[in-house]
Amino acid sequence: MAKILRSWREQKILLKRWFPILSDQDFVNASLDKEGMMESLALKLKKTRVELDQIFEELQRH
């Protein structure tokens, strides 16, 4: 489990910079249904869930 160093807001901003295909709409209801949002992001980015988890870990080091 990665140590969280960045706020969720910072993570969203970085994700949108790294993947311009993402929009604010992709993060709506993240606090209510995190798993659903993660599955949706993985599909949109054509990544596996493991790859997406690795991207979030990288966000913490960037």
PDB file of N, CA and C in Angstrom:
ATOM      1  N   MET A   1       0.850  -1.186   0.000  1.00  0.00           N
ATOM      2  CA  MET A   1       0.000   0.000   0.000  1.00  0.00           C
ATOM      3  C   MET A   1       0.890   1.242   0.000  1.00  0.00           C
ATOM      4  N   ALA A   2       0.633   2.113  -0.936  1.00  0.00           N
ATOM      5  CA  ALA A   2       1.434   3.331  -1.060  1.00  0.00           C
ATOM      6  C   ALA A   2       1.028   4.352  -0.002  1.00  0.00           C
ATOM      7  N   LYS A   3       2.006   5.073   0.473  1.00  0.00           N
ATOM      8  CA  LYS A   3       1.733   6.145   1.422  1.00  0.00           C
ATOM      9  C   LYS A   3       1.186   7.334   0.637  1.00  0.00           C
ATOM     10  N   ILE A   4       0.087   7.887   1.098  1.00  0.00           N
ATOM     11  CA  ILE A   4      -0.552   8.996   0.399  1.00  0.00           C
ATOM     12  C   ILE A   4       0.111  10.299   0.810  1.00  0.00           C
ATOM     13  N   LEU A   5       0.718  10.954  -0.162  1.00  0.00           N
ATOM     14  CA  LEU A   5       1.401  12.209   0.074  1.00  0.00           C
ATOM     15  C   LEU A   5       0.657  13.388  -0.546  1.00  0.00           C
ATOM     16  N   ARG A   6      -0.104  13.113  -1.582  1.00  0.00           N
ATOM     17  CA  ARG A   6      -0.828  14.165  -2.292  1.00  0.00           C
ATOM     18  C   ARG A   6      -2.325  14.079  -1.981  1.00  0.00           C
ATOM     19  N   SER A   7      -2.960  15.229  -1.976  1.00  0.00           N
ATOM     20  CA  SER A   7      -4.410  15.252  -1.769  1.00  0.00           C
ATOM     21  C   SER A   7      -5.100  14.698  -3.013  1.00  0.00           C
ATOM     22  N   TRP A   8      -6.348  14.322  -2.838  1.00  0.00           N
ATOM     23  CA  TRP A   8      -7.121  13.808  -3.962  1.00  0.00           C
ATOM     24  C   TRP A   8      -7.209  14.874  -5.057  1.00  0.00           C
ATOM     25  N   ARG A   9      -7.359  16.119  -4.677  1.00  0.00           N
ATOM     26  CA  ARG A   9      -7.432  17.217  -5.650  1.00  0.00           C
ATOM     27  C   ARG A   9      -6.160  17.275  -6.494  1.00  0.00           C
ATOM     28  N   GLU A  10      -5.005  17.175  -5.839  1.00  0.00           N
ATOM     29  CA  GLU A  10      -3.722  17.186  -6.561  1.00  0.00           C
ATOM     30  C   GLU A  10      -3.605  15.977  -7.492  1.00  0.00           C
ATOM     31  N   GLN A  11      -4.060  14.826  -7.021  1.00  0.00           N
ATOM     32  CA  GLN A  11      -3.995  13.622  -7.841  1.00  0.00           C
ATOM     33  C   GLN A  11      -4.853  13.768  -9.097  1.00  0.00           C
ATOM     34  N   LYS A  12      -6.045  14.323  -8.955  1.00  0.00           N
ATOM     35  CA  LYS A  12      -6.914  14.522 -10.116  1.00  0.00           C
ATOM     36  C   LYS A  12      -6.267  15.467 -11.124  1.00  0.00           C
ATOM     37  N   ILE A  13      -5.671  16.541 -10.631  1.00  0.00           N
ATOM     38  CA  ILE A  13      -5.027  17.510 -11.519  1.00  0.00           C
ATOM     39  C   ILE A  13      -3.892  16.838 -12.295  1.00  0.00           C
ATOM     40  N   LEU A  14      -3.055  16.077 -11.602  1.00  0.00           N
ATOM     41  CA  LEU A  14      -1.955  15.390 -12.274  1.00  0.00           C
ATOM     42  C   LEU A  14      -2.464  14.359 -13.276  1.00  0.00           C
ATOM     43  N   LEU A  15      -3.476  13.607 -12.890  1.00  0.00           N
ATOM     44  CA  LEU A  15      -4.035  12.617 -13.814  1.00  0.00           C
ATOM     45  C   LEU A  15      -4.549  13.278 -15.083  1.00  0.00           C
ATOM     46  N   LYS A  16      -5.225  14.408 -14.931  1.00  0.00           N
ATOM     47  CA  LYS A  16      -5.754  15.104 -16.115  1.00  0.00           C
ATOM     48  C   LYS A  16      -4.627  15.678 -16.974  1.00  0.00           C
ATOM     49  N   ARG A  17      -3.506  16.030 -16.369  1.00  0.00           N
ATOM     50  CA  ARG A  17      -2.344  16.493 -17.147  1.00  0.00           C
ATOM     51  C   ARG A  17      -1.699  15.330 -17.898  1.00  0.00           C
ATOM     52  N   TRP A  18      -1.550  14.199 -17.217  1.00  0.00           N
ATOM     53  CA  TRP A  18      -0.916  13.035 -17.824  1.00  0.00           C
ATOM     54  C   TRP A  18      -1.792  12.403 -18.893  1.00  0.00           C
ATOM     55  N   PHE A  19      -3.116  12.475 -18.687  1.00  0.00           N
ATOM     56  CA  PHE A  19      -4.077  11.857 -19.598  1.00  0.00           C
ATOM     57  C   PHE A  19      -5.131  12.887 -19.985  1.00  0.00           C
ATOM     58  N   PRO A  20      -4.848  13.695 -21.008  1.00  0.00           N
ATOM     59  CA  PRO A  20      -5.768  14.769 -21.401  1.00  0.00           C
ATOM     60  C   PRO A  20      -7.177  14.291 -21.784  1.00  0.00           C
ATOM     61  N   ILE A  21      -7.324  13.005 -22.020  1.00  0.00           N
ATOM     62  CA  ILE A  21      -8.637  12.453 -22.346  1.00  0.00           C
ATOM     63  C   ILE A  21      -9.590  12.529 -21.145  1.00  0.00           C
ATOM     64  N   LEU A  22      -9.040  12.649 -19.943  1.00  0.00           N
ATOM     65  CA  LEU A  22      -9.861  12.708 -18.728  1.00  0.00           C
ATOM     66  C   LEU A  22     -10.439  14.102 -18.522  1.00  0.00           C
ATOM     67  N   SER A  23     -11.622  14.131 -17.933  1.00  0.00           N
ATOM     68  CA  SER A  23     -12.282  15.399 -17.611  1.00  0.00           C
ATOM     69  C   SER A  23     -12.777  15.351 -16.165  1.00  0.00           C
ATOM     70  N   ASP A  24     -13.232  16.479 -15.673  1.00  0.00           N
ATOM     71  CA  ASP A  24     -13.786  16.528 -14.313  1.00  0.00           C
ATOM     72  C   ASP A  24     -14.925  15.536 -14.151  1.00  0.00           C
ATOM     73  N   GLN A  25     -15.673  15.323 -15.201  1.00  0.00           N
ATOM     74  CA  GLN A  25     -16.823  14.413 -15.160  1.00  0.00           C
ATOM     75  C   GLN A  25     -16.400  12.986 -14.801  1.00  0.00           C
ATOM     76  N   ASP A  26     -15.183  12.615 -15.165  1.00  0.00           N
ATOM     77  CA  ASP A  26     -14.701  11.263 -14.866  1.00  0.00           C
ATOM     78  C   ASP A  26     -14.496  11.021 -13.374  1.00  0.00           C
ATOM     79  N   PHE A  27     -14.473  12.097 -12.600  1.00  0.00           N
ATOM     80  CA  PHE A  27     -14.216  11.988 -11.166  1.00  0.00           C
ATOM     81  C   PHE A  27     -15.448  12.299 -10.315  1.00  0.00           C
ATOM     82  N   VAL A  28     -16.580  12.528 -10.950  1.00  0.00           N
ATOM     83  CA  VAL A  28     -17.811  12.825 -10.220  1.00  0.00           C
ATOM     84  C   VAL A  28     -18.194  11.609  -9.385  1.00  0.00           C
ATOM     85  N   ASN A  29     -18.640  11.868  -8.176  1.00  0.00           N
ATOM     86  CA  ASN A  29     -19.070  10.821  -7.233  1.00  0.00           C
ATOM     87  C   ASN A  29     -17.929   9.910  -6.784  1.00  0.00           C
ATOM     88  N   ALA A  30     -16.693  10.370  -6.907  1.00  0.00           N
ATOM     89  CA  ALA A  30     -15.546   9.547  -6.490  1.00  0.00           C
ATOM     90  C   ALA A  30     -15.639   9.176  -5.022  1.00  0.00           C
ATOM     91  N   SER A  31     -16.142  10.078  -4.211  1.00  0.00           N
ATOM     92  CA  SER A  31     -16.229   9.787  -2.779  1.00  0.00           C
ATOM     93  C   SER A  31     -17.345   8.791  -2.461  1.00  0.00           C
ATOM     94  N   LEU A  32     -18.328   8.692  -3.338  1.00  0.00           N
ATOM     95  CA  LEU A  32     -19.441   7.775  -3.099  1.00  0.00           C
ATOM     96  C   LEU A  32     -19.179   6.379  -3.652  1.00  0.00           C
ATOM     97  N   ASP A  33     -18.486   6.304  -4.776  1.00  0.00           N
ATOM     98  CA  ASP A  33     -18.272   5.018  -5.430  1.00  0.00           C
ATOM     99  C   ASP A  33     -16.863   4.964  -6.017  1.00  0.00           C
ATOM    100  N   LYS A  34     -15.874   4.853  -5.144  1.00  0.00           N
ATOM    101  CA  LYS A  34     -14.477   4.857  -5.583  1.00  0.00           C
ATOM    102  C   LYS A  34     -14.189   3.688  -6.527  1.00  0.00           C
ATOM    103  N   GLU A  35     -14.666   2.512  -6.197  1.00  0.00           N
ATOM    104  CA  GLU A  35     -14.399   1.338  -7.031  1.00  0.00           C
ATOM    105  C   GLU A  35     -14.987   1.504  -8.437  1.00  0.00           C
ATOM    106  N   GLY A  36     -16.205   2.014  -8.491  1.00  0.00           N
ATOM    107  CA  GLY A  36     -16.835   2.251  -9.790  1.00  0.00           C
ATOM    108  C   GLY A  36     -16.051   3.261 -10.612  1.00  0.00           C
ATOM    109  N   MET A  37     -15.582   4.315  -9.951  1.00  0.00           N
ATOM    110  CA  MET A  37     -14.797   5.336 -10.637  1.00  0.00           C
ATOM    111  C   MET A  37     -13.483   4.738 -11.139  1.00  0.00           C
ATOM    112  N   MET A  38     -12.830   3.928 -10.323  1.00  0.00           N
ATOM    113  CA  MET A  38     -11.562   3.319 -10.717  1.00  0.00           C
ATOM    114  C   MET A  38     -11.752   2.385 -11.916  1.00  0.00           C
ATOM    115  N   GLU A  39     -12.811   1.608 -11.913  1.00  0.00           N
ATOM    116  CA  GLU A  39     -13.101   0.726 -13.047  1.00  0.00           C
ATOM    117  C   GLU A  39     -13.357   1.544 -14.305  1.00  0.00           C
ATOM    118  N   SER A  40     -14.095   2.626 -14.158  1.00  0.00           N
ATOM    119  CA  SER A  40     -14.396   3.508 -15.281  1.00  0.00           C
ATOM    120  C   SER A  40     -13.127   4.156 -15.833  1.00  0.00           C
ATOM    121  N   LEU A  41     -12.245   4.628 -14.940  1.00  0.00           N
ATOM    122  CA  LEU A  41     -10.976   5.220 -15.369  1.00  0.00           C
ATOM    123  C   LEU A  41     -10.114   4.189 -16.100  1.00  0.00           C
ATOM    124  N   ALA A  42     -10.053   2.977 -15.562  1.00  0.00           N
ATOM    125  CA  ALA A  42      -9.259   1.918 -16.186  1.00  0.00           C
ATOM    126  C   ALA A  42      -9.755   1.645 -17.602  1.00  0.00           C
ATOM    127  N   LEU A  43     -11.066   1.573 -17.772  1.00  0.00           N
ATOM    128  CA  LEU A  43     -11.625   1.341 -19.107  1.00  0.00           C
ATOM    129  C   LEU A  43     -11.311   2.493 -20.054  1.00  0.00           C
ATOM    130  N   LYS A  44     -11.513   3.707 -19.589  1.00  0.00           N
ATOM    131  CA  LYS A  44     -11.297   4.878 -20.432  1.00  0.00           C
ATOM    132  C   LYS A  44      -9.833   5.000 -20.848  1.00  0.00           C
ATOM    133  N   LEU A  45      -8.922   4.672 -19.932  1.00  0.00           N
ATOM    134  CA  LEU A  45      -7.493   4.784 -20.210  1.00  0.00           C
ATOM    135  C   LEU A  45      -6.911   3.518 -20.838  1.00  0.00           C
ATOM    136  N   LYS A  46      -7.767   2.489 -20.982  1.00  0.00           N
ATOM    137  CA  LYS A  46      -7.341   1.198 -21.541  1.00  0.00           C
ATOM    138  C   LYS A  46      -6.191   0.607 -20.733  1.00  0.00           C
ATOM    139  N   LYS A  47      -6.369   0.637 -19.423  1.00  0.00           N
ATOM    140  CA  LYS A  47      -5.396   0.097 -18.476  1.00  0.00           C
ATOM    141  C   LYS A  47      -6.069  -0.975 -17.634  1.00  0.00           C
ATOM    142  N   THR A  48      -5.268  -1.896 -17.133  1.00  0.00           N
ATOM    143  CA  THR A  48      -5.809  -2.851 -16.169  1.00  0.00           C
ATOM    144  C   THR A  48      -5.912  -2.140 -14.825  1.00  0.00           C
ATOM    145  N   ARG A  49      -6.592  -2.744 -13.915  1.00  0.00           N
ATOM    146  CA  ARG A  49      -6.709  -2.155 -12.577  1.00  0.00           C
ATOM    147  C   ARG A  49      -5.340  -2.099 -11.901  1.00  0.00           C
ATOM    148  N   VAL A  50      -4.518  -3.112 -12.130  1.00  0.00           N
ATOM    149  CA  VAL A  50      -3.164  -3.127 -11.571  1.00  0.00           C
ATOM    150  C   VAL A  50      -2.356  -1.962 -12.144  1.00  0.00           C
ATOM    151  N   GLU A  51      -2.446  -1.747 -13.442  1.00  0.00           N
ATOM    152  CA  GLU A  51      -1.734  -0.632 -14.075  1.00  0.00           C
ATOM    153  C   GLU A  51      -2.218   0.704 -13.510  1.00  0.00           C
ATOM    154  N   LEU A  52      -3.528   0.819 -13.315  1.00  0.00           N
ATOM    155  CA  LEU A  52      -4.082   2.050 -12.761  1.00  0.00           C
ATOM    156  C   LEU A  52      -3.596   2.275 -11.332  1.00  0.00           C
ATOM    157  N   ASP A  53      -3.550   1.221 -10.538  1.00  0.00           N
ATOM    158  CA  ASP A  53      -3.016   1.341  -9.180  1.00  0.00           C
ATOM    159  C   ASP A  53      -1.554   1.800  -9.214  1.00  0.00           C
ATOM    160  N   GLN A  54      -0.799   1.297 -10.179  1.00  0.00           N
ATOM    161  CA  GLN A  54       0.602   1.709 -10.323  1.00  0.00           C
ATOM    162  C   GLN A  54       0.706   3.184 -10.702  1.00  0.00           C
ATOM    163  N   ILE A  55      -0.209   3.657 -11.525  1.00  0.00           N
ATOM    164  CA  ILE A  55      -0.236   5.065 -11.906  1.00  0.00           C
ATOM    165  C   ILE A  55      -0.485   5.929 -10.662  1.00  0.00           C
ATOM    166  N   PHE A  56      -1.421   5.505  -9.823  1.00  0.00           N
ATOM    167  CA  PHE A  56      -1.693   6.258  -8.591  1.00  0.00           C
ATOM    168  C   PHE A  56      -0.489   6.237  -7.651  1.00  0.00           C
ATOM    169  N   GLU A  57       0.230   5.120  -7.612  1.00  0.00           N
ATOM    170  CA  GLU A  57       1.443   5.072  -6.798  1.00  0.00           C
ATOM    171  C   GLU A  57       2.493   6.039  -7.354  1.00  0.00           C
ATOM    172  N   GLU A  58       2.610   6.096  -8.661  1.00  0.00           N
ATOM    173  CA  GLU A  58       3.555   7.016  -9.293  1.00  0.00           C
ATOM    174  C   GLU A  58       3.189   8.469  -8.995  1.00  0.00           C
ATOM    175  N   LEU A  59       1.916   8.764  -8.922  1.00  0.00           N
ATOM    176  CA  LEU A  59       1.469  10.118  -8.582  1.00  0.00           C
ATOM    177  C   LEU A  59       2.039  10.561  -7.239  1.00  0.00           C
ATOM    178  N   GLN A  60       2.205   9.631  -6.338  1.00  0.00           N
ATOM    179  CA  GLN A  60       2.712   9.957  -5.013  1.00  0.00           C
ATOM    180  C   GLN A  60       4.209  10.293  -5.040  1.00  0.00           C
ATOM    181  N   ARG A  61       4.904   9.775  -6.040  1.00  0.00           N
ATOM    182  CA  ARG A  61       6.345  10.037  -6.143  1.00  0.00           C
ATOM    183  C   ARG A  61       6.655  11.214  -7.043  1.00  0.00           C
ATOM    184  N   HIS A  62       5.725  11.624  -7.858  1.00  0.00           N
ATOM    185  CA  HIS A  62       5.956  12.675  -8.858  1.00  0.00           C
ATOM    186  C   HIS A  62       5.824  14.048  -8.258  1.00  0.00           C
TER     187      HIS A  62
END
